[in-house]
Amino acid sequence: MGNLSIKNFIGTIFLILLSATFSMAANYSDLTSTHLPMILDSSSEAVTSDFDNDGDNDIFVANYGEDKLLINNGTGYFTDETGARLPADIDDSRGAAAGDANGDGYTDIFVANNGQNRLLLNDGTGHFSDVTATWLPSGSEFYSSGAFGDIDGDGDMDLIVSVSGISKSIKIFVNDNETKFIDQTSTRLPSDTSHYTQKVILADFDRDGDLDIFTVNSLNNSNKLLINDGTGMFTEDATGIIPPDTNSSNSAAIADINGDGLIDYIFIANDGGQRNRLYIYNTSTAKFEDKTTANLPVDNDYSFDCAFGDLDSDGDLDVVVANGKDAGQANKVYLNNGGGVFAFASSSFFPADSDFSTGVIIAGFDSVPGNEVFVTNYFEQRNRLYSTGEVPSAITLSSFTAKEKNRKVIIRWKTETEIDNLGFNILRSETEGEGYVKINKKLISAKGTSTKGAKYKFIDKNVKSGRTYFYKLEDIDSSRVSTLNDPISLTMSNRKKK
């Protein structure tokens, strides 16, 4: 979970409910090919926030290898701007957290790695600098996740980091006046019996007004709840607030179903063919009860992550589970009946997949009401984006070319069919992955129909010799929904001025 204090906890988790539109549910479509850049990574997890402060949600992806920063154009189309915005890295990253580490009002990024973790500070425009050397304690363990939150009530964001080994399973890094993090694990957590921790969640589980730590543990080690005394000192819960278990858990998600700032649901994603689990808070006993048998359908998936969000726009919180196995195992959607009883969504509601999925986030990425689902995948498989928003009406593009002529670039394209097409824009950049700008002054009107294509030409006069230019074709349908096609490139010849 990202950047939390008790003061903002109520608003943070209830925002999931506010994003819902109370209307008939629409089926989800896979928008990966049109809305995401073509990247084949081995991704572990993703976090979303408005990193560039332009009013929409962007995505940071933690990878085995180079991490990625995907910038949203405001309508749910993402561009890979890693090279321009992130410091270079080749770490094996397993998790990430977003939060304001230095108190300047901008969202920073913590990356959990196999080896040294990293902290990236945001300059306010979505450009990040690596301050690991001065901000983070050194480390060489197998770190798996992180969570920002004010554990000691001093007004700044502390950091909890999970360790997926047999040694002490978490690290408590306390923020020193927003200048660096200090490792105070040994003094703030004298005893810790968690092992092989895959995820940490900071939230007020015992409802006493401070942030506790929930550790999600694998290899049949029971998940643990560490209780905060209000000053950031933790002891293992001995009262049974969370049901005991001997499952192999990979992740968990929490939900506030009524907007009172208190946790009502805990969903546990289990590995090894074990059932996922649902815990629901009982106000009479002041404990979470295991409602798996009564409230969840039977599943035997290999689940790696989960997230709450209103997928069917009926005002309650559903669950998406990211599943993975060597041969591929479809992700699952659990729809809530409004009373905390879940059933699998129909096969037509959410596209099936055969990916090895490792992470899932649910958020609004475009201006269309409703939530989108972003899924991270491993083994150099494309990450995926799903949405109920209107799918752009398709054109069938048969050619798209650029040719130099008389010190200009002649761009031609041909369509075979155009369904509900309004027109085209030409976008240009001098780097393939980022910085595209529209160069036509007005929309190039469509001429084709659903049964007949058309030919088009655009002349780019503002070019220089020796430069390489990348061009993208954007088509706009009558609902003003756009689709970007893959770029083409051309290098101008070197010509001396006469």
Protein backbone atom coordinates (compact mmCIF):
# COMPACT_ATOMS: atom_id res chain seq x y z
CA MET A 1 0.00 0.00 0.00
CA GLY A 2 1.37 3.45 -0.78
CA ASN A 3 1.54 6.67 1.23
CA LEU A 4 -0.71 6.49 4.32
CA SER A 5 -1.23 8.24 7.61
CA ILE A 6 -4.29 7.95 9.83
CA LYS A 7 -5.41 11.45 8.80
CA ASN A 8 -5.62 10.56 5.12
CA PHE A 9 -6.54 6.89 5.54
CA ILE A 10 -10.29 7.54 5.47
CA GLY A 11 -10.18 9.39 2.16
CA THR A 12 -7.59 7.16 0.54
CA ILE A 13 -9.34 3.82 0.65
CA PHE A 14 -12.88 5.19 0.20
CA LEU A 15 -11.86 6.80 -3.09
CA ILE A 16 -12.20 3.35 -4.63
CA LEU A 17 -15.93 3.54 -4.03
CA LEU A 18 -16.26 7.09 -5.34
CA SER A 19 -14.81 6.07 -8.69
CA ALA A 20 -17.82 3.88 -9.37
CA THR A 21 -20.59 4.89 -11.74
CA PHE A 22 -23.91 3.42 -10.78
CA SER A 23 -25.11 2.08 -14.11
CA MET A 24 -25.41 -1.17 -15.96
CA ALA A 25 -22.15 -3.07 -16.05
CA ALA A 26 -20.18 -3.18 -19.28
CA ASN A 27 -17.82 -5.96 -20.24
CA TYR A 28 -14.09 -5.38 -20.18
CA SER A 29 -11.95 -5.25 -23.31
CA ASP A 30 -8.21 -5.80 -23.71
CA LEU A 31 -6.75 -2.44 -24.78
CA THR A 32 -3.12 -3.53 -24.53
CA SER A 33 -2.26 -3.31 -28.22
CA THR A 34 -3.62 0.22 -28.65
CA HIS A 35 -3.02 1.84 -25.24
CA LEU A 36 0.30 0.42 -24.01
CA PRO A 37 3.77 0.62 -25.57
CA MET A 38 5.17 -2.59 -27.02
CA ILE A 39 7.44 -3.78 -24.20
CA LEU A 40 8.41 -7.36 -23.35
CA ASP A 41 9.60 -7.35 -19.73
CA SER A 42 9.55 -9.68 -16.76
CA SER A 43 7.46 -7.54 -14.43
CA SER A 44 6.91 -8.10 -10.71
CA GLU A 45 4.55 -5.33 -9.61
CA ALA A 46 3.21 -1.92 -10.58
CA VAL A 47 2.12 1.18 -8.67
CA THR A 48 0.06 4.06 -9.97
CA SER A 49 0.03 7.76 -9.12
CA ASP A 50 0.03 11.11 -10.89
CA PHE A 51 3.81 11.18 -11.10
CA ASP A 52 4.05 14.12 -13.54
CA ASN A 53 1.32 16.17 -11.82
CA ASP A 54 -0.82 16.67 -14.92
CA GLY A 55 -4.05 15.35 -13.42
CA ASP A 56 -4.05 11.71 -14.52
CA ASN A 57 -2.65 8.42 -13.22
CA ASP A 58 0.68 7.16 -14.55
CA ILE A 59 2.25 3.74 -13.92
CA PHE A 60 5.62 2.65 -12.52
CA VAL A 61 6.52 -0.97 -13.25
CA ALA A 62 9.08 -2.91 -11.19
CA ASN A 63 10.95 -5.35 -13.44
CA TYR A 64 13.67 -7.92 -13.37
CA GLY A 65 15.98 -5.65 -15.31
CA GLU A 66 15.18 -2.05 -16.20
CA ASP A 67 12.13 -0.64 -14.41
CA LYS A 68 9.67 1.33 -16.53
CA LEU A 69 7.71 4.57 -16.19
CA LEU A 70 4.59 4.77 -18.35
CA ILE A 71 3.17 8.28 -18.73
CA ASN A 72 -0.55 8.75 -19.35
CA ASN A 73 -1.63 11.28 -21.99
CA GLY A 74 -4.87 11.92 -20.09
CA THR A 75 -7.07 9.60 -22.13
CA GLY A 76 -5.61 6.28 -21.02
CA TYR A 77 -2.86 6.00 -23.64
CA PHE A 78 0.58 5.35 -22.17
CA THR A 79 4.05 6.19 -23.48
CA ASP A 80 7.27 4.64 -22.23
CA GLU A 81 9.27 7.64 -20.96
CA THR A 82 11.71 5.64 -18.85
CA GLY A 83 14.83 6.93 -20.57
CA ALA A 84 13.96 10.58 -20.03
CA ARG A 85 12.49 10.37 -16.53
CA LEU A 86 14.16 7.53 -14.57
CA PRO A 87 17.80 6.97 -13.63
CA ALA A 88 19.27 3.90 -15.28
CA ASP A 89 19.04 0.60 -13.41
CA ILE A 90 19.53 -3.11 -14.02
CA ASP A 91 18.25 -4.32 -10.66
CA ASP A 92 16.07 -7.35 -10.09
CA SER A 93 13.08 -5.45 -8.72
CA ARG A 94 10.30 -7.30 -6.93
CA GLY A 95 8.07 -4.55 -5.58
CA ALA A 96 7.44 -0.83 -5.38
CA ALA A 97 5.64 1.76 -3.29
CA ALA A 98 4.60 5.33 -4.04
CA GLY A 99 4.69 8.04 -1.39
CA ASP A 100 6.02 11.47 -0.47
CA ALA A 101 9.31 10.66 1.25
CA ASN A 102 10.72 14.19 1.57
CA GLY A 103 7.51 16.11 2.23
CA ASP A 104 7.60 18.34 -0.85
CA GLY A 105 4.14 17.32 -2.03
CA TYR A 106 5.31 15.14 -4.92
CA THR A 107 5.05 11.37 -5.21
CA ASP A 108 8.35 9.54 -4.85
CA ILE A 109 9.05 5.86 -5.55
CA PHE A 110 10.60 3.16 -3.38
CA VAL A 111 11.81 0.05 -5.22
CA ALA A 112 12.31 -3.28 -3.41
CA ASN A 113 15.15 -5.25 -4.98
CA ASN A 114 17.09 -8.44 -4.68
CA GLY A 115 20.00 -6.63 -3.11
CA GLN A 116 20.14 -2.88 -2.53
CA ASN A 117 16.76 -1.15 -2.49
CA ARG A 118 16.36 2.20 -4.22
CA LEU A 119 14.61 5.49 -3.50
CA LEU A 120 13.72 7.80 -6.39
CA LEU A 121 12.77 11.40 -5.57
CA ASN A 122 10.36 13.26 -7.84
CA ASP A 123 11.22 16.83 -8.89
CA GLY A 124 7.51 17.63 -9.34
CA THR A 125 7.41 17.10 -13.10
CA GLY A 126 7.76 13.33 -13.07
CA HIS A 127 11.54 13.29 -13.43
CA PHE A 128 13.30 11.23 -10.77
CA SER A 129 16.74 11.20 -9.16
CA ASP A 130 18.30 8.25 -7.35
CA VAL A 131 19.01 9.27 -3.73
CA THR A 132 19.63 5.75 -2.44
CA ALA A 133 23.17 6.47 -1.26
CA THR A 134 22.12 9.28 1.09
CA TRP A 135 18.59 8.21 2.01
CA LEU A 136 18.44 4.42 2.44
CA PRO A 137 20.27 1.99 4.69
CA SER A 138 22.50 -0.41 2.79
CA GLY A 139 21.21 -3.94 2.27
CA SER A 140 21.82 -7.16 0.39
CA GLU A 141 18.81 -9.33 1.22
CA PHE A 142 15.92 -10.49 -0.93
CA TYR A 143 13.49 -7.60 -0.44
CA SER A 144 10.00 -8.10 -1.83
CA SER A 145 7.74 -5.08 -1.14
CA GLY A 146 7.43 -1.76 0.64
CA ALA A 147 4.80 0.48 2.20
CA PHE A 148 4.90 4.16 3.17
CA GLY A 149 3.09 5.36 6.30
CA ASP A 150 3.48 7.51 9.38
CA ILE A 151 3.99 4.82 12.02
CA ASP A 152 5.22 7.07 14.85
CA GLY A 153 2.80 9.97 14.44
CA ASP A 154 5.39 12.65 13.75
CA GLY A 155 3.91 13.76 10.43
CA ASP A 156 6.36 12.29 7.94
CA MET A 157 6.33 9.09 5.94
CA ASP A 158 8.19 6.12 7.36
CA LEU A 159 8.89 3.00 5.34
CA ILE A 160 8.23 -0.69 6.00
CA VAL A 161 10.07 -3.18 3.79
CA SER A 162 9.47 -6.93 3.56
CA VAL A 163 12.22 -9.54 3.33
CA SER A 164 11.46 -12.88 1.69
CA GLY A 165 13.96 -14.89 3.71
CA ILE A 166 14.09 -16.88 6.91
CA SER A 167 15.68 -14.03 8.85
CA LYS A 168 13.66 -11.17 10.35
CA SER A 169 10.95 -10.67 7.75
CA ILE A 170 10.56 -6.89 7.74
CA LYS A 171 12.65 -3.77 8.07
CA ILE A 172 11.38 -0.64 9.80
CA PHE A 173 12.95 2.47 8.27
CA VAL A 174 12.03 5.61 10.22
CA ASN A 175 12.06 8.96 8.43
CA ASP A 176 14.56 11.38 9.97
CA ASN A 177 12.93 14.80 9.46
CA GLU A 178 12.43 14.08 5.74
CA THR A 179 16.17 13.88 5.07
CA LYS A 180 16.88 10.12 5.22
CA PHE A 181 15.58 6.78 6.51
CA ILE A 182 17.15 5.12 9.55
CA ASP A 183 16.91 1.38 10.22
CA GLN A 184 15.24 1.05 13.64
CA THR A 185 14.02 -2.53 13.22
CA SER A 186 15.81 -3.96 16.23
CA THR A 187 14.38 -1.38 18.66
CA ARG A 188 10.86 -1.11 17.25
CA LEU A 189 10.25 -4.81 16.57
CA PRO A 190 12.02 -6.85 19.26
CA SER A 191 10.34 -10.12 18.26
CA ASP A 192 9.23 -11.21 14.80
CA THR A 193 8.29 -14.78 13.91
CA SER A 194 7.32 -14.06 10.30
CA HIS A 195 9.33 -15.77 7.58
CA TYR A 196 9.46 -15.52 3.79
CA THR A 197 7.37 -12.35 3.71
CA GLN A 198 6.14 -11.41 0.24
CA LYS A 199 4.14 -8.28 1.05
CA VAL A 200 3.56 -5.78 3.85
CA ILE A 201 0.40 -3.73 4.35
CA LEU A 202 0.17 -0.71 6.65
CA ALA A 203 -3.32 -0.03 8.02
CA ASP A 204 -5.26 0.31 11.26
CA PHE A 205 -6.26 -3.34 11.74
CA ASP A 206 -7.15 -3.07 15.44
CA ARG A 207 -9.07 0.20 14.97
CA ASP A 208 -7.20 2.18 17.63
CA GLY A 209 -6.09 5.08 15.43
CA ASP A 210 -2.56 4.10 14.38
CA LEU A 211 -0.98 2.04 11.61
CA ASP A 212 -0.30 -1.64 12.20
CA ILE A 213 1.71 -3.99 9.97
CA PHE A 214 0.26 -7.05 8.25
CA THR A 215 2.86 -9.44 6.85
CA VAL A 216 1.91 -11.82 4.05
CA ASN A 217 4.08 -14.92 4.27
CA SER A 218 4.78 -17.77 1.87
CA LEU A 219 6.01 -21.39 2.11
CA ASN A 220 3.20 -22.29 4.55
CA ASN A 221 4.25 -19.71 7.13
CA SER A 222 1.29 -18.12 8.86
CA ASN A 223 0.53 -14.49 8.04
CA LYS A 224 1.17 -12.15 10.98
CA LEU A 225 -0.30 -8.96 12.42
CA LEU A 226 2.10 -6.61 14.23
CA ILE A 227 0.33 -4.17 16.55
CA ASN A 228 1.45 -0.55 16.90
CA ASP A 229 1.38 0.93 20.41
CA GLY A 230 0.85 4.40 18.93
CA THR A 231 4.50 5.43 19.00
CA GLY A 232 5.77 3.10 16.29
CA MET A 233 6.73 0.22 18.60
CA PHE A 234 5.37 -3.14 17.42
CA THR A 235 4.50 -6.47 19.02
CA GLU A 236 2.98 -9.55 17.45
CA ASP A 237 -0.80 -9.73 17.95
CA ALA A 238 -1.73 -12.33 20.56
CA THR A 239 -5.51 -11.80 20.53
CA GLY A 240 -6.31 -13.37 17.17
CA ILE A 241 -7.53 -10.29 15.29
CA ILE A 242 -6.52 -12.06 12.08
CA PRO A 243 -7.44 -15.76 11.69
CA PRO A 244 -4.48 -18.16 11.88
CA ASP A 245 -3.46 -20.00 8.72
CA THR A 246 -0.82 -22.31 7.32
CA ASN A 247 -1.17 -21.34 3.69
CA SER A 248 1.50 -20.17 1.29
CA SER A 249 0.42 -16.58 0.68
CA ASN A 250 1.81 -14.20 -1.92
CA SER A 251 -0.24 -11.05 -1.49
CA ALA A 252 -3.26 -9.44 0.13
CA ALA A 253 -5.62 -6.51 -0.34
CA ILE A 254 -7.79 -4.58 2.11
CA ALA A 255 -11.04 -2.70 1.61
CA ASP A 256 -13.27 -0.22 3.41
CA ILE A 257 -16.79 -0.95 2.14
CA ASN A 258 -18.68 1.91 3.79
CA GLY A 259 -16.30 4.87 3.84
CA ASP A 260 -15.77 5.06 7.59
CA GLY A 261 -12.00 4.68 7.25
CA LEU A 262 -11.97 1.23 8.83
CA ILE A 263 -10.97 -2.04 7.22
CA ASP A 264 -13.88 -4.38 6.53
CA TYR A 265 -12.44 -6.94 4.10
CA ILE A 266 -9.08 -8.68 3.76
CA PHE A 267 -8.51 -10.80 0.66
CA ILE A 268 -5.55 -13.20 0.65
CA ALA A 269 -3.97 -14.45 -2.60
CA ASN A 270 -2.51 -17.92 -2.03
CA ASP A 271 0.00 -19.94 -4.00
CA GLY A 272 0.44 -23.66 -4.60
CA GLY A 273 -3.12 -24.46 -5.58
CA GLN A 274 -4.47 -23.39 -2.17
CA ARG A 275 -7.77 -21.50 -1.96
CA ASN A 276 -7.67 -17.74 -1.75
CA ARG A 277 -9.20 -16.47 1.46
CA LEU A 278 -11.65 -13.76 2.54
CA TYR A 279 -11.71 -12.27 6.03
CA ILE A 280 -14.59 -10.00 7.10
CA TYR A 281 -14.55 -7.85 10.23
CA ASN A 282 -17.06 -8.70 12.95
CA THR A 283 -17.82 -5.65 15.08
CA SER A 284 -19.19 -7.82 17.90
CA THR A 285 -15.97 -9.75 18.39
CA ALA A 286 -13.62 -6.99 17.14
CA LYS A 287 -11.91 -9.59 14.98
CA PHE A 288 -11.76 -10.65 11.36
CA GLU A 289 -13.58 -13.91 10.61
CA ASP A 290 -12.66 -16.37 7.88
CA LYS A 291 -15.60 -16.32 5.44
CA THR A 292 -13.85 -18.20 2.66
CA THR A 293 -16.10 -21.26 2.61
CA ALA A 294 -19.36 -19.33 2.76
CA ASN A 295 -18.49 -16.28 0.68
CA LEU A 296 -15.95 -17.29 -1.98
CA PRO A 297 -16.21 -19.68 -4.91
CA VAL A 298 -13.82 -22.62 -4.89
CA ASP A 299 -10.55 -22.03 -6.71
CA ASN A 300 -7.23 -23.83 -6.85
CA ASP A 301 -5.18 -21.26 -8.70
CA TYR A 302 -1.61 -20.15 -8.24
CA SER A 303 -2.38 -16.57 -7.19
CA PHE A 304 0.29 -13.88 -6.93
CA ASP A 305 -1.61 -10.65 -6.31
CA CYS A 306 -5.09 -9.21 -5.79
CA ALA A 307 -6.87 -5.85 -5.71
CA PHE A 308 -10.26 -4.45 -4.74
CA GLY A 309 -12.28 -2.18 -7.03
CA ASP A 310 -15.81 -1.69 -8.35
CA LEU A 311 -15.64 -3.46 -11.70
CA ASP A 312 -19.34 -3.79 -12.52
CA SER A 313 -20.33 -0.25 -11.44
CA ASP A 314 -22.89 -1.41 -8.88
CA GLY A 315 -21.41 0.46 -5.92
CA ASP A 316 -19.65 -2.39 -4.13
CA LEU A 317 -16.09 -3.65 -4.25
CA ASP A 318 -15.14 -6.62 -6.40
CA VAL A 319 -11.77 -8.41 -6.61
CA VAL A 320 -9.31 -9.10 -9.42
CA VAL A 321 -6.77 -11.87 -8.81
CA ALA A 322 -3.54 -12.17 -10.80
CA ASN A 323 -2.72 -15.82 -11.41
CA GLY A 324 0.39 -17.42 -12.78
CA LYS A 325 1.87 -20.78 -13.53
CA ASP A 326 4.45 -22.03 -16.01
CA ALA A 327 1.77 -23.02 -18.51
CA GLY A 328 -0.30 -19.91 -17.87
CA GLN A 329 -3.41 -19.65 -15.72
CA ALA A 330 -6.24 -17.22 -16.37
CA ASN A 331 -6.71 -14.29 -14.01
CA LYS A 332 -10.00 -14.25 -12.12
CA VAL A 333 -12.64 -11.65 -11.33
CA TYR A 334 -14.76 -12.14 -8.20
CA LEU A 335 -17.97 -10.07 -8.33
CA ASN A 336 -19.54 -8.92 -5.06
CA ASN A 337 -23.31 -9.32 -4.61
CA GLY A 338 -23.34 -6.28 -2.33
CA GLY A 339 -23.29 -8.31 0.86
CA GLY A 340 -19.76 -9.63 0.76
CA VAL A 341 -20.59 -12.84 -1.09
CA PHE A 342 -18.49 -13.27 -4.23
CA ALA A 343 -18.96 -15.26 -7.43
CA PHE A 344 -16.78 -15.66 -10.49
CA ALA A 345 -17.62 -13.23 -13.29
CA SER A 346 -18.91 -14.71 -16.52
CA SER A 347 -16.43 -15.55 -19.27
CA SER A 348 -17.74 -12.64 -21.34
CA PHE A 349 -17.20 -10.06 -18.58
CA PHE A 350 -13.39 -10.13 -18.51
CA PRO A 351 -11.01 -11.35 -21.24
CA ALA A 352 -9.32 -14.68 -20.61
CA ASP A 353 -5.53 -14.87 -20.71
CA SER A 354 -2.75 -17.43 -20.51
CA ASP A 355 -0.07 -15.14 -19.06
CA PHE A 356 2.06 -15.67 -15.98
CA SER A 357 0.63 -12.71 -14.03
CA THR A 358 2.37 -11.28 -10.99
CA GLY A 359 0.56 -8.08 -10.07
CA VAL A 360 -2.66 -6.11 -10.51
CA ILE A 361 -3.78 -2.54 -9.90
CA ILE A 362 -7.27 -1.09 -10.32
CA ALA A 363 -7.60 2.64 -11.04
CA GLY A 364 -9.12 5.20 -13.37
CA PHE A 365 -6.77 5.96 -16.23
CA ASP A 366 -9.03 7.83 -18.65
CA SER A 367 -11.86 10.37 -18.60
CA VAL A 368 -14.51 7.69 -19.02
CA PRO A 369 -16.28 6.74 -15.75
CA GLY A 370 -15.30 3.34 -14.37
CA ASN A 371 -12.15 1.53 -13.36
CA GLU A 372 -9.38 0.13 -15.52
CA VAL A 373 -7.29 -2.93 -14.64
CA PHE A 374 -3.52 -3.07 -15.22
CA VAL A 375 -1.84 -6.48 -14.93
CA THR A 376 1.90 -7.15 -14.76
CA ASN A 377 3.25 -10.33 -16.36
CA TYR A 378 6.47 -12.28 -16.12
CA PHE A 379 8.66 -14.25 -18.58
CA GLU A 380 8.93 -11.32 -21.03
CA GLN A 381 5.19 -11.25 -21.63
CA ARG A 382 3.41 -7.97 -22.32
CA ASN A 383 1.72 -6.29 -19.40
CA ARG A 384 -1.99 -5.78 -20.04
CA LEU A 385 -4.59 -3.05 -19.73
CA TYR A 386 -8.32 -3.77 -19.52
CA SER A 387 -11.17 -1.25 -19.59
CA THR A 388 -14.93 -0.93 -19.96
CA GLY A 389 -14.39 2.43 -21.63
CA GLU A 390 -15.40 2.78 -25.22
CA VAL A 391 -13.13 0.79 -27.50
CA PRO A 392 -11.94 2.96 -30.40
CA SER A 393 -13.66 2.23 -33.69
CA ALA A 394 -11.11 0.47 -35.82
CA ILE A 395 -9.54 1.42 -39.10
CA THR A 396 -7.78 -1.17 -41.20
CA LEU A 397 -4.44 0.38 -42.12
CA SER A 398 -2.75 -1.21 -45.13
CA SER A 399 0.29 1.09 -45.35
CA PHE A 400 2.00 3.96 -43.51
CA THR A 401 5.25 5.31 -44.99
CA ALA A 402 7.61 8.29 -44.83
CA LYS A 403 9.87 9.36 -47.70
CA GLU A 404 12.28 12.26 -48.14
CA LYS A 405 11.69 14.54 -51.12
CA ASN A 406 13.05 18.03 -51.77
CA ARG A 407 14.17 18.42 -48.16
CA LYS A 408 10.70 17.57 -46.91
CA VAL A 409 9.14 14.39 -45.55
CA ILE A 410 6.21 13.01 -47.50
CA ILE A 411 4.01 10.87 -45.26
CA ARG A 412 1.49 8.62 -46.95
CA TRP A 413 -0.98 6.13 -45.58
CA LYS A 414 -3.72 3.97 -46.97
CA THR A 415 -6.72 2.38 -45.29
CA GLU A 416 -8.75 -0.59 -46.41
CA THR A 417 -11.77 0.24 -44.23
CA GLU A 418 -12.71 2.98 -41.75
CA ILE A 419 -15.43 2.39 -39.18
CA ASP A 420 -16.92 5.58 -37.73
CA ASN A 421 -13.66 7.44 -38.37
CA LEU A 422 -13.51 11.22 -37.93
CA GLY A 423 -9.95 11.88 -39.07
CA PHE A 424 -6.22 11.68 -38.42
CA ASN A 425 -3.34 13.46 -36.70
CA ILE A 426 0.38 13.07 -37.38
CA LEU A 427 2.60 12.95 -34.28
CA ARG A 428 6.37 13.42 -34.49
CA SER A 429 9.34 12.90 -32.19
CA GLU A 430 13.11 12.60 -32.47
CA THR A 431 13.18 9.65 -30.04
CA GLU A 432 11.16 6.51 -30.63
CA GLY A 433 9.66 6.03 -27.19
CA GLU A 434 8.64 9.52 -26.06
CA GLY A 435 8.10 13.19 -26.80
CA TYR A 436 5.57 12.90 -29.65
CA VAL A 437 3.94 16.19 -30.69
CA LYS A 438 1.10 16.77 -33.16
CA ILE A 439 2.43 18.57 -36.24
CA ASN A 440 -0.71 19.03 -38.36
CA LYS A 441 -2.57 22.28 -37.63
CA LYS A 442 -6.04 20.80 -38.02
CA LEU A 443 -7.55 17.34 -38.12
CA ILE A 444 -7.01 15.53 -41.42
CA SER A 445 -10.57 14.63 -42.37
CA ALA A 446 -11.48 10.99 -42.95
CA LYS A 447 -12.47 9.94 -46.47
CA GLY A 448 -13.01 6.20 -46.08
CA THR A 449 -16.07 4.19 -45.06
CA SER A 450 -16.81 0.84 -43.44
CA THR A 451 -16.62 -0.80 -46.88
CA LYS A 452 -14.09 1.37 -48.68
CA GLY A 453 -10.67 2.71 -47.74
CA ALA A 454 -8.85 5.85 -48.83
CA LYS A 455 -5.40 7.29 -49.56
CA TYR A 456 -3.86 10.17 -47.59
CA LYS A 457 -0.79 12.40 -47.77
CA PHE A 458 0.82 14.86 -45.37
CA ILE A 459 3.97 16.93 -45.96
CA ASP A 460 6.28 17.71 -43.05
CA LYS A 461 8.26 20.80 -44.06
CA ASN A 462 9.86 21.58 -40.72
CA VAL A 463 12.75 19.09 -40.86
CA LYS A 464 16.55 19.36 -40.77
CA SER A 465 19.24 17.44 -42.59
CA GLY A 466 20.86 14.55 -40.75
CA ARG A 467 18.08 14.25 -38.18
CA THR A 468 16.08 11.08 -37.53
CA TYR A 469 12.33 11.54 -37.14
CA PHE A 470 9.72 9.14 -35.79
CA TYR A 471 6.09 9.47 -36.86
CA LYS A 472 2.90 8.04 -35.38
CA LEU A 473 -0.53 8.06 -37.00
CA GLU A 474 -3.42 8.86 -34.67
CA ASP A 475 -6.96 8.18 -35.83
CA ILE A 476 -9.93 9.79 -34.07
CA ASP A 477 -13.42 8.30 -34.14
CA SER A 478 -16.71 10.20 -33.92
CA SER A 479 -16.73 9.84 -30.11
CA ARG A 480 -13.33 11.59 -29.99
CA VAL A 481 -11.63 8.38 -28.90
CA SER A 482 -8.16 8.03 -30.39
CA THR A 483 -5.94 5.15 -31.45
CA LEU A 484 -2.18 5.44 -31.94
CA ASN A 485 -0.44 3.23 -34.47
CA ASP A 486 3.15 1.99 -34.16
CA PRO A 487 5.81 4.51 -35.25
CA ILE A 488 7.73 4.67 -38.51
CA SER A 489 11.07 6.46 -38.89
CA LEU A 490 13.14 8.30 -41.46
CA THR A 491 16.66 9.76 -41.33
CA MET A 492 17.16 12.88 -43.42
CA SER A 493 20.19 12.95 -45.68
CA ASN A 494 23.07 15.27 -44.85
CA ARG A 495 23.09 18.23 -47.20
CA LYS A 496 25.35 21.23 -47.06
CA LYS A 497 23.88 24.66 -47.47
CA LYS A 498 24.76 26.30 -50.78
